[in-house]
PDB file of N, CA and C in Angstrom:
ATOM      1  N   MET A   1     189.177-111.492-189.242  1.00  0.00           N
ATOM      2  CA  MET A   1     189.671-112.842-189.401  1.00  0.00           C
ATOM      3  C   MET A   1     191.161-112.864-189.707  1.00  0.00           C
ATOM      4  N   HIS A   2     191.665-111.875-190.471  1.00  0.00           N
ATOM      5  CA  HIS A   2     193.053-111.879-190.901  1.00  0.00           C
ATOM      6  C   HIS A   2     193.982-111.264-189.865  1.00  0.00           C
ATOM      7  N   GLU A   3     193.436-110.778-188.769  1.00  0.00           N
ATOM      8  CA  GLU A   3     194.284-110.131-187.764  1.00  0.00           C
ATOM      9  C   GLU A   3     195.224-111.109-187.074  1.00  0.00           C
ATOM     10  N   PHE A   4     194.970-112.403-187.147  1.00  0.00           N
ATOM     11  CA  PHE A   4     195.821-113.398-186.516  1.00  0.00           C
ATOM     12  C   PHE A   4     196.746-114.086-187.527  1.00  0.00           C
ATOM     13  N   LYS A   5     196.805-113.553-188.712  1.00  0.00           N
ATOM     14  CA  LYS A   5     197.569-114.166-189.794  1.00  0.00           C
ATOM     15  C   LYS A   5     199.044-114.369-189.431  1.00  0.00           C
ATOM     16  N   ASP A   6     199.657-113.412-188.764  1.00  0.00           N
ATOM     17  CA  ASP A   6     201.077-113.498-188.418  1.00  0.00           C
ATOM     18  C   ASP A   6     201.298-113.910-186.966  1.00  0.00           C
ATOM     19  N   ALA A   7     200.259-114.359-186.289  1.00  0.00           N
ATOM     20  CA  ALA A   7     200.383-114.746-184.881  1.00  0.00           C
ATOM     21  C   ALA A   7     201.230-116.005-184.751  1.00  0.00           C
ATOM     22  N   VAL A   8     201.954-116.097-183.656  1.00  0.00           N
ATOM     23  CA  VAL A   8     202.775-117.274-183.359  1.00  0.00           C
ATOM     24  C   VAL A   8     201.976-118.177-182.432  1.00  0.00           C
ATOM     25  N   LEU A   9     201.878-119.407-182.805  1.00  0.00           N
ATOM     26  CA  LEU A   9     201.157-120.363-181.968  1.00  0.00           C
ATOM     27  C   LEU A   9     202.131-121.020-181.003  1.00  0.00           C
ATOM     28  N   GLU A  10     201.725-121.101-179.756  1.00  0.00           N
ATOM     29  CA  GLU A  10     202.559-121.773-178.755  1.00  0.00           C
ATOM     30  C   GLU A  10     202.120-123.215-178.638  1.00  0.00           C
ATOM     31  N   LYS A  11     203.089-124.055-178.381  1.00  0.00           N
ATOM     32  CA  LYS A  11     202.767-125.463-178.164  1.00  0.00           C
ATOM     33  C   LYS A  11     202.168-125.597-176.764  1.00  0.00           C
ATOM     34  N   VAL A  12     201.043-126.281-176.687  1.00  0.00           N
ATOM     35  CA  VAL A  12     200.367-126.496-175.413  1.00  0.00           C
ATOM     36  C   VAL A  12     200.748-127.874-174.900  1.00  0.00           C
ATOM     37  N   ASP A  13     201.121-127.923-173.645  1.00  0.00           N
ATOM     38  CA  ASP A  13     201.491-129.202-173.029  1.00  0.00           C
ATOM     39  C   ASP A  13     200.219-130.010-172.786  1.00  0.00           C
ATOM     40  N   ASP A  14     200.084-131.120-173.476  1.00  0.00           N
ATOM     41  CA  ASP A  14     198.902-131.969-173.358  1.00  0.00           C
ATOM     42  C   ASP A  14     199.005-132.998-172.240  1.00  0.00           C
ATOM     43  N   ASP A  15     200.079-132.960-171.494  1.00  0.00           N
ATOM     44  CA  ASP A  15     200.293-133.946-170.442  1.00  0.00           C
ATOM     45  C   ASP A  15     199.473-133.585-169.208  1.00  0.00           C
ATOM     46  N   VAL A  16     198.201-133.981-169.225  1.00  0.00           N
ATOM     47  CA  VAL A  16     197.294-133.694-168.112  1.00  0.00           C
ATOM     48  C   VAL A  16     197.351-134.870-167.143  1.00  0.00           C
ATOM     49  N   GLN A  17     197.587-134.570-165.883  1.00  0.00           N
ATOM     50  CA  GLN A  17     197.671-135.627-164.881  1.00  0.00           C
ATOM     51  C   GLN A  17     196.367-135.714-164.098  1.00  0.00           C
ATOM     52  N   GLU A  18     195.991-136.937-163.800  1.00  0.00           N
ATOM     53  CA  GLU A  18     194.789-137.162-162.988  1.00  0.00           C
ATOM     54  C   GLU A  18     195.067-136.700-161.558  1.00  0.00           C
ATOM     55  N   PRO A  19     194.052-136.159-160.883  1.00  0.00           N
ATOM     56  CA  PRO A  19     194.263-135.749-159.486  1.00  0.00           C
ATOM     57  C   PRO A  19     194.410-136.983-158.602  1.00  0.00           C
ATOM     58  N   PRO A  20     195.107-136.847-157.465  1.00  0.00           N
ATOM     59  CA  PRO A  20     195.186-137.986-156.544  1.00  0.00           C
ATOM     60  C   PRO A  20     193.791-138.340-156.037  1.00  0.00           C
ATOM     61  N   MET A  21     193.585-139.604-155.778  1.00  0.00           N
ATOM     62  CA  MET A  21     192.266-140.079-155.361  1.00  0.00           C
ATOM     63  C   MET A  21     192.283-140.451-153.875  1.00  0.00           C
ATOM     64  N   TYR A  22     191.108-140.323-153.245  1.00  0.00           N
ATOM     65  CA  TYR A  22     190.963-140.578-151.816  1.00  0.00           C
ATOM     66  C   TYR A  22     189.754-141.464-151.567  1.00  0.00           C
ATOM     67  N   LYS A  23     189.915-142.394-150.632  1.00  0.00           N
ATOM     68  CA  LYS A  23     188.824-143.294-150.257  1.00  0.00           C
ATOM     69  C   LYS A  23     187.981-142.632-149.173  1.00  0.00           C
ATOM     70  N   VAL A  24     186.674-142.787-149.288  1.00  0.00           N
ATOM     71  CA  VAL A  24     185.760-142.343-148.237  1.00  0.00           C
ATOM     72  C   VAL A  24     185.319-143.611-147.509  1.00  0.00           C
ATOM     73  N   VAL A  25     185.585-143.646-146.200  1.00  0.00           N
ATOM     74  CA  VAL A  25     185.374-144.852-145.404  1.00  0.00           C
ATOM     75  C   VAL A  25     184.328-144.597-144.317  1.00  0.00           C
ATOM     76  N   LEU A  26     183.350-145.511-144.202  1.00  0.00           N
ATOM     77  CA  LEU A  26     182.363-145.481-143.118  1.00  0.00           C
ATOM     78  C   LEU A  26     182.785-146.489-142.060  1.00  0.00           C
ATOM     79  N   PHE A  27     182.558-146.151-140.798  1.00  0.00           N
ATOM     80  CA  PHE A  27     182.926-147.019-139.678  1.00  0.00           C
ATOM     81  C   PHE A  27     181.699-147.471-138.895  1.00  0.00           C
ATOM     82  N   ASN A  28     181.761-148.694-138.436  1.00  0.00           N
ATOM     83  CA  ASN A  28     180.683-149.261-137.624  1.00  0.00           C
ATOM     84  C   ASN A  28     180.685-148.645-136.223  1.00  0.00           C
ATOM     85  N   ASP A  29     179.515-148.572-135.623  1.00  0.00           N
ATOM     86  CA  ASP A  29     179.379-148.205-134.207  1.00  0.00           C
ATOM     87  C   ASP A  29     178.181-148.954-133.648  1.00  0.00           C
ATOM     88  N   ASP A  30     177.980-148.852-132.356  1.00  0.00           N
ATOM     89  CA  ASP A  30     176.906-149.617-131.700  1.00  0.00           C
ATOM     90  C   ASP A  30     175.571-148.872-131.646  1.00  0.00           C
ATOM     91  N   PHE A  31     175.478-147.692-132.250  1.00  0.00           N
ATOM     92  CA  PHE A  31     174.274-146.886-132.098  1.00  0.00           C
ATOM     93  C   PHE A  31     173.574-146.549-133.408  1.00  0.00           C
ATOM     94  N   THR A  32     174.327-146.343-134.468  1.00  0.00           N
ATOM     95  CA  THR A  32     173.737-145.971-135.757  1.00  0.00           C
ATOM     96  C   THR A  32     172.993-147.174-136.335  1.00  0.00           C
ATOM     97  N   THR A  33     171.759-146.952-136.728  1.00  0.00           N
ATOM     98  CA  THR A  33     170.954-148.071-137.237  1.00  0.00           C
ATOM     99  C   THR A  33     171.399-148.467-138.644  1.00  0.00           C
ATOM    100  N   MET A  34     171.155-149.720-138.963  1.00  0.00           N
ATOM    101  CA  MET A  34     171.491-150.225-140.289  1.00  0.00           C
ATOM    102  C   MET A  34     170.673-149.502-141.361  1.00  0.00           C
ATOM    103  N   ASP A  35     169.412-149.229-141.074  1.00  0.00           N
ATOM    104  CA  ASP A  35     168.558-148.514-142.030  1.00  0.00           C
ATOM    105  C   ASP A  35     169.103-147.121-142.336  1.00  0.00           C
ATOM    106  N   PHE A  36     169.631-146.454-141.297  1.00  0.00           N
ATOM    107  CA  PHE A  36     170.195-145.122-141.511  1.00  0.00           C
ATOM    108  C   PHE A  36     171.434-145.197-142.407  1.00  0.00           C
ATOM    109  N   VAL A  37     172.287-146.179-142.184  1.00  0.00           N
ATOM    110  CA  VAL A  37     173.493-146.347-143.010  1.00  0.00           C
ATOM    111  C   VAL A  37     173.095-146.596-144.462  1.00  0.00           C
ATOM    112  N   VAL A  38     172.089-147.424-144.679  1.00  0.00           N
ATOM    113  CA  VAL A  38     171.597-147.675-146.038  1.00  0.00           C
ATOM    114  C   VAL A  38     171.114-146.364-146.665  1.00  0.00           C
ATOM    115  N   MET A  39     170.375-145.570-145.905  1.00  0.00           N
ATOM    116  CA  MET A  39     169.877-144.292-146.412  1.00  0.00           C
ATOM    117  C   MET A  39     171.039-143.364-146.781  1.00  0.00           C
ATOM    118  N   VAL A  40     172.049-143.289-145.936  1.00  0.00           N
ATOM    119  CA  VAL A  40     173.219-142.447-146.208  1.00  0.00           C
ATOM    120  C   VAL A  40     173.907-142.889-147.497  1.00  0.00           C
ATOM    121  N   LEU A  41     174.074-144.183-147.648  1.00  0.00           N
ATOM    122  CA  LEU A  41     174.740-144.704-148.844  1.00  0.00           C
ATOM    123  C   LEU A  41     173.949-144.392-150.115  1.00  0.00           C
ATOM    124  N   MET A  42     172.649-144.421-150.018  1.00  0.00           N
ATOM    125  CA  MET A  42     171.810-144.110-151.179  1.00  0.00           C
ATOM    126  C   MET A  42     171.798-142.608-151.476  1.00  0.00           C
ATOM    127  N   VAL A  43     171.677-141.791-150.436  1.00  0.00           N
ATOM    128  CA  VAL A  43     171.550-140.340-150.622  1.00  0.00           C
ATOM    129  C   VAL A  43     172.891-139.684-150.957  1.00  0.00           C
ATOM    130  N   VAL A  44     173.906-139.967-150.178  1.00  0.00           N
ATOM    131  CA  VAL A  44     175.196-139.287-150.335  1.00  0.00           C
ATOM    132  C   VAL A  44     176.043-139.914-151.443  1.00  0.00           C
ATOM    133  N   PHE A  45     176.042-141.241-151.497  1.00  0.00           N
ATOM    134  CA  PHE A  45     176.929-141.928-152.438  1.00  0.00           C
ATOM    135  C   PHE A  45     176.212-142.443-153.685  1.00  0.00           C
ATOM    136  N   HIS A  46     174.900-142.211-153.763  1.00  0.00           N
ATOM    137  CA  HIS A  46     174.095-142.579-154.933  1.00  0.00           C
ATOM    138  C   HIS A  46     174.200-144.065-155.268  1.00  0.00           C
ATOM    139  N   LYS A  47     174.216-144.888-154.224  1.00  0.00           N
ATOM    140  CA  LYS A  47     174.253-146.344-154.407  1.00  0.00           C
ATOM    141  C   LYS A  47     172.824-146.866-154.552  1.00  0.00           C
ATOM    142  N   SER A  48     172.687-147.991-155.231  1.00  0.00           N
ATOM    143  CA  SER A  48     171.372-148.640-155.328  1.00  0.00           C
ATOM    144  C   SER A  48     171.028-149.252-153.972  1.00  0.00           C
ATOM    145  N   MET A  49     169.790-149.686-153.830  1.00  0.00           N
ATOM    146  CA  MET A  49     169.367-150.328-152.590  1.00  0.00           C
ATOM    147  C   MET A  49     170.230-151.563-152.311  1.00  0.00           C
ATOM    148  N   ASP A  50     170.446-152.401-153.310  1.00  0.00           N
ATOM    149  CA  ASP A  50     171.246-153.614-153.120  1.00  0.00           C
ATOM    150  C   ASP A  50     172.689-153.283-152.758  1.00  0.00           C
ATOM    151  N   GLU A  51     173.297-152.335-153.474  1.00  0.00           N
ATOM    152  CA  GLU A  51     174.672-151.929-153.162  1.00  0.00           C
ATOM    153  C   GLU A  51     174.754-151.376-151.740  1.00  0.00           C
ATOM    154  N   SER A  52     173.769-150.583-151.368  1.00  0.00           N
ATOM    155  CA  SER A  52     173.753-149.964-150.039  1.00  0.00           C
ATOM    156  C   SER A  52     173.643-151.014-148.943  1.00  0.00           C
ATOM    157  N   LYS A  53     172.777-151.988-149.143  1.00  0.00           N
ATOM    158  CA  LYS A  53     172.637-153.060-148.146  1.00  0.00           C
ATOM    159  C   LYS A  53     173.925-153.856-148.021  1.00  0.00           C
ATOM    160  N   ASN A  54     174.554-154.169-149.152  1.00  0.00           N
ATOM    161  CA  ASN A  54     175.805-154.929-149.113  1.00  0.00           C
ATOM    162  C   ASN A  54     176.927-154.153-148.427  1.00  0.00           C
ATOM    163  N   LEU A  55     177.028-152.861-148.730  1.00  0.00           N
ATOM    164  CA  LEU A  55     178.044-152.033-148.073  1.00  0.00           C
ATOM    165  C   LEU A  55     177.762-151.887-146.584  1.00  0.00           C
ATOM    166  N   MET A  56     176.497-151.695-146.240  1.00  0.00           N
ATOM    167  CA  MET A  56     176.127-151.584-144.828  1.00  0.00           C
ATOM    168  C   MET A  56     176.524-152.848-144.078  1.00  0.00           C
ATOM    169  N   LEU A  57     176.277-154.020-144.669  1.00  0.00           N
ATOM    170  CA  LEU A  57     176.652-155.281-144.029  1.00  0.00           C
ATOM    171  C   LEU A  57     178.171-155.409-143.911  1.00  0.00           C
ATOM    172  N   ALA A  58     178.899-154.928-144.899  1.00  0.00           N
ATOM    173  CA  ALA A  58     180.363-154.945-144.819  1.00  0.00           C
ATOM    174  C   ALA A  58     180.845-154.062-143.673  1.00  0.00           C
ATOM    175  N   VAL A  59     180.254-152.871-143.534  1.00  0.00           N
ATOM    176  CA  VAL A  59     180.597-151.980-142.424  1.00  0.00           C
ATOM    177  C   VAL A  59     180.299-152.674-141.104  1.00  0.00           C
ATOM    178  N   HIS A  60     179.142-153.289-141.013  1.00  0.00           N
ATOM    179  CA  HIS A  60     178.710-153.949-139.781  1.00  0.00           C
ATOM    180  C   HIS A  60     179.612-155.136-139.414  1.00  0.00           C
ATOM    181  N   LYS A  61     179.938-155.962-140.385  1.00  0.00           N
ATOM    182  CA  LYS A  61     180.708-157.182-140.115  1.00  0.00           C
ATOM    183  C   LYS A  61     182.209-156.950-140.004  1.00  0.00           C
ATOM    184  N   LYS A  62     182.758-156.043-140.828  1.00  0.00           N
ATOM    185  CA  LYS A  62     184.209-155.833-140.868  1.00  0.00           C
ATOM    186  C   LYS A  62     184.671-154.625-140.060  1.00  0.00           C
ATOM    187  N   GLY A  63     183.720-153.793-139.648  1.00  0.00           N
ATOM    188  CA  GLY A  63     184.077-152.607-138.871  1.00  0.00           C
ATOM    189  C   GLY A  63     184.195-151.343-139.700  1.00  0.00           C
ATOM    190  N   SER A  64     184.419-151.496-141.006  1.00  0.00           N
ATOM    191  CA  SER A  64     184.482-150.335-141.898  1.00  0.00           C
ATOM    192  C   SER A  64     184.383-150.815-143.335  1.00  0.00           C
ATOM    193  N   ALA A  65     184.102-149.882-144.227  1.00  0.00           N
ATOM    194  CA  ALA A  65     184.055-150.194-145.657  1.00  0.00           C
ATOM    195  C   ALA A  65     184.259-148.915-146.456  1.00  0.00           C
ATOM    196  N   VAL A  66     184.874-149.069-147.617  1.00  0.00           N
ATOM    197  CA  VAL A  66     185.069-147.948-148.531  1.00  0.00           C
ATOM    198  C   VAL A  66     183.769-147.738-149.309  1.00  0.00           C
ATOM    199  N   CYS A  67     183.260-146.520-149.258  1.00  0.00           N
ATOM    200  CA  CYS A  67     181.998-146.192-149.935  1.00  0.00           C
ATOM    201  C   CYS A  67     182.215-145.608-151.318  1.00  0.00           C
ATOM    202  N   GLY A  68     183.406-145.119-151.573  1.00  0.00           N
ATOM    203  CA  GLY A  68     183.721-144.548-152.871  1.00  0.00           C
ATOM    204  C   GLY A  68     185.126-143.994-152.885  1.00  0.00           C
ATOM    205  N   VAL A  69     185.630-143.731-154.081  1.00  0.00           N
ATOM    206  CA  VAL A  69     186.966-143.161-154.266  1.00  0.00           C
ATOM    207  C   VAL A  69     186.811-141.939-155.162  1.00  0.00           C
ATOM    208  N   TYR A  70     187.311-140.795-154.658  1.00  0.00           N
ATOM    209  CA  TYR A  70     187.067-139.514-155.318  1.00  0.00           C
ATOM    210  C   TYR A  70     188.295-138.608-155.218  1.00  0.00           C
ATOM    211  N   PRO A  71     188.342-137.560-156.052  1.00  0.00           N
ATOM    212  CA  PRO A  71     189.328-136.502-155.815  1.00  0.00           C
ATOM    213  C   PRO A  71     189.063-135.887-154.443  1.00  0.00           C
ATOM    214  N   TYR A  72     190.088-135.265-153.850  1.00  0.00           N
ATOM    215  CA  TYR A  72     190.002-134.811-152.464  1.00  0.00           C
ATOM    216  C   TYR A  72     188.788-133.924-152.170  1.00  0.00           C
ATOM    217  N   VAL A  73     188.538-132.934-153.002  1.00  0.00           N
ATOM    218  CA  VAL A  73     187.442-131.989-152.729  1.00  0.00           C
ATOM    219  C   VAL A  73     186.093-132.707-152.700  1.00  0.00           C
ATOM    220  N   ILE A  74     185.900-133.650-153.594  1.00  0.00           N
ATOM    221  CA  ILE A  74     184.643-134.402-153.608  1.00  0.00           C
ATOM    222  C   ILE A  74     184.565-135.317-152.398  1.00  0.00           C
ATOM    223  N   ALA A  75     185.674-135.983-152.055  1.00  0.00           N
ATOM    224  CA  ALA A  75     185.700-136.853-150.869  1.00  0.00           C
ATOM    225  C   ALA A  75     185.376-136.042-149.617  1.00  0.00           C
ATOM    226  N   GLU A  76     185.961-134.867-149.517  1.00  0.00           N
ATOM    227  CA  GLU A  76     185.722-133.984-148.371  1.00  0.00           C
ATOM    228  C   GLU A  76     184.244-133.587-148.287  1.00  0.00           C
ATOM    229  N   THR A  77     183.644-133.316-149.419  1.00  0.00           N
ATOM    230  CA  THR A  77     182.228-132.962-149.466  1.00  0.00           C
ATOM    231  C   THR A  77     181.358-134.130-149.019  1.00  0.00           C
ATOM    232  N   LYS A  78     181.691-135.340-149.473  1.00  0.00           N
ATOM    233  CA  LYS A  78     180.927-136.541-149.082  1.00  0.00           C
ATOM    234  C   LYS A  78     180.985-136.733-147.575  1.00  0.00           C
ATOM    235  N   VAL A  79     182.171-136.575-146.993  1.00  0.00           N
ATOM    236  CA  VAL A  79     182.317-136.720-145.535  1.00  0.00           C
ATOM    237  C   VAL A  79     181.466-135.674-144.818  1.00  0.00           C
ATOM    238  N   ALA A  80     181.485-134.445-145.295  1.00  0.00           N
ATOM    239  CA  ALA A  80     180.683-133.381-144.675  1.00  0.00           C
ATOM    240  C   ALA A  80     179.189-133.691-144.779  1.00  0.00           C
ATOM    241  N   GLN A  81     178.755-134.250-145.902  1.00  0.00           N
ATOM    242  CA  GLN A  81     177.345-134.605-146.070  1.00  0.00           C
ATOM    243  C   GLN A  81     176.953-135.721-145.101  1.00  0.00           C
ATOM    244  N   VAL A  82     177.818-136.726-144.956  1.00  0.00           N
ATOM    245  CA  VAL A  82     177.538-137.820-144.011  1.00  0.00           C
ATOM    246  C   VAL A  82     177.448-137.269-142.594  1.00  0.00           C
ATOM    247  N   GLN A  83     178.393-136.429-142.221  1.00  0.00           N
ATOM    248  CA  GLN A  83     178.387-135.860-140.871  1.00  0.00           C
ATOM    249  C   GLN A  83     177.151-135.009-140.621  1.00  0.00           C
ATOM    250  N   ALA A  84     176.728-134.245-141.622  1.00  0.00           N
ATOM    251  CA  ALA A  84     175.530-133.411-141.475  1.00  0.00           C
ATOM    252  C   ALA A  84     174.290-134.280-141.266  1.00  0.00           C
ATOM    253  N   MET A  85     174.170-135.348-142.058  1.00  0.00           N
ATOM    254  CA  MET A  85     173.018-136.249-141.894  1.00  0.00           C
ATOM    255  C   MET A  85     173.056-136.928-140.528  1.00  0.00           C
ATOM    256  N   ALA A  86     174.231-137.400-140.128  1.00  0.00           N
ATOM    257  CA  ALA A  86     174.369-138.079-138.831  1.00  0.00           C
ATOM    258  C   ALA A  86     174.004-137.123-137.699  1.00  0.00           C
ATOM    259  N   ASN A  87     174.464-135.894-137.775  1.00  0.00           N
ATOM    260  CA  ASN A  87     174.130-134.901-136.743  1.00  0.00           C
ATOM    261  C   ASN A  87     172.634-134.621-136.718  1.00  0.00           C
ATOM    262  N   GLN A  88     172.041-134.497-137.895  1.00  0.00           N
ATOM    263  CA  GLN A  88     170.610-134.212-137.984  1.00  0.00           C
ATOM    264  C   GLN A  88     169.789-135.314-137.324  1.00  0.00           C
ATOM    265  N   TYR A  89     170.197-136.566-137.510  1.00  0.00           N
ATOM    266  CA  TYR A  89     169.459-137.710-136.959  1.00  0.00           C
ATOM    267  C   TYR A  89     170.023-138.195-135.624  1.00  0.00           C
ATOM    268  N   LYS A  90     170.998-137.468-135.094  1.00  0.00           N
ATOM    269  CA  LYS A  90     171.588-137.757-133.771  1.00  0.00           C
ATOM    270  C   LYS A  90     172.276-139.126-133.710  1.00  0.00           C
ATOM    271  N   PHE A  91     172.987-139.483-134.786  1.00  0.00           N
ATOM    272  CA  PHE A  91     173.763-140.718-134.812  1.00  0.00           C
ATOM    273  C   PHE A  91     175.250-140.376-134.810  1.00  0.00           C
ATOM    274  N   PRO A  92     176.077-141.225-134.179  1.00  0.00           N
ATOM    275  CA  PRO A  92     177.523-140.968-134.134  1.00  0.00           C
ATOM    276  C   PRO A  92     178.291-141.569-135.316  1.00  0.00           C
ATOM    277  N   LEU A  93     177.637-141.762-136.441  1.00  0.00           N
ATOM    278  CA  LEU A  93     178.267-142.386-137.602  1.00  0.00           C
ATOM    279  C   LEU A  93     179.540-141.637-137.976  1.00  0.00           C
ATOM    280  N   ARG A  94     180.622-142.384-138.112  1.00  0.00           N
ATOM    281  CA  ARG A  94     181.919-141.784-138.422  1.00  0.00           C
ATOM    282  C   ARG A  94     182.310-142.111-139.861  1.00  0.00           C
ATOM    283  N   CYS A  95     182.834-141.100-140.534  1.00  0.00           N
ATOM    284  CA  CYS A  95     183.226-141.217-141.926  1.00  0.00           C
ATOM    285  C   CYS A  95     184.534-140.436-142.091  1.00  0.00           C
ATOM    286  N   THR A  96     185.524-141.040-142.772  1.00  0.00           N
ATOM    287  CA  THR A  96     186.807-140.387-142.941  1.00  0.00           C
ATOM    288  C   THR A  96     187.294-140.481-144.385  1.00  0.00           C
ATOM    289  N   ILE A  97     188.368-139.735-144.641  1.00  0.00           N
ATOM    290  CA  ILE A  97     189.042-139.771-145.938  1.00  0.00           C
ATOM    291  C   ILE A  97     190.406-140.424-145.723  1.00  0.00           C
ATOM    292  N   GLU A  98     190.766-141.336-146.629  1.00  0.00           N
ATOM    293  CA  GLU A  98     192.083-141.968-146.590  1.00  0.00           C
ATOM    294  C   GLU A  98     192.688-141.897-147.971  1.00  0.00           C
ATOM    295  N   GLU A  99     194.009-141.702-148.018  1.00  0.00           N
ATOM    296  CA  GLU A  99     194.691-141.715-149.316  1.00  0.00           C
ATOM    297  C   GLU A  99     194.566-143.094-149.928  1.00  0.00           C
ATOM    298  N   GLU A 100     194.433-143.100-151.248  1.00  0.00           N
ATOM    299  CA  GLU A 100     194.306-144.397-151.917  1.00  0.00           C
ATOM    300  C   GLU A 100     195.679-145.021-152.081  1.00  0.00           C
TER     301      GLU A 100
END
């Protein structure tokens, strides 16, 4: 315990900066079903049924909608998960990352 008695303590910089955030955006198309989009929103983005339906309708009516805002690595993972599900079910659902 006494071995650190004469140790010099360094000041630690407490100025922690938040990572930049990125929007994950889903785009409408003429082939992906509304039910599939709702499922993606629930599975990948952990949205409730009501939130998923509302977002799906926004995608359908406006052409796109932001599904969430995350640090880059998480946003990238979400896009990869959406693409994997879309490929598995043979839908052309498009999902991208945009700077906030």
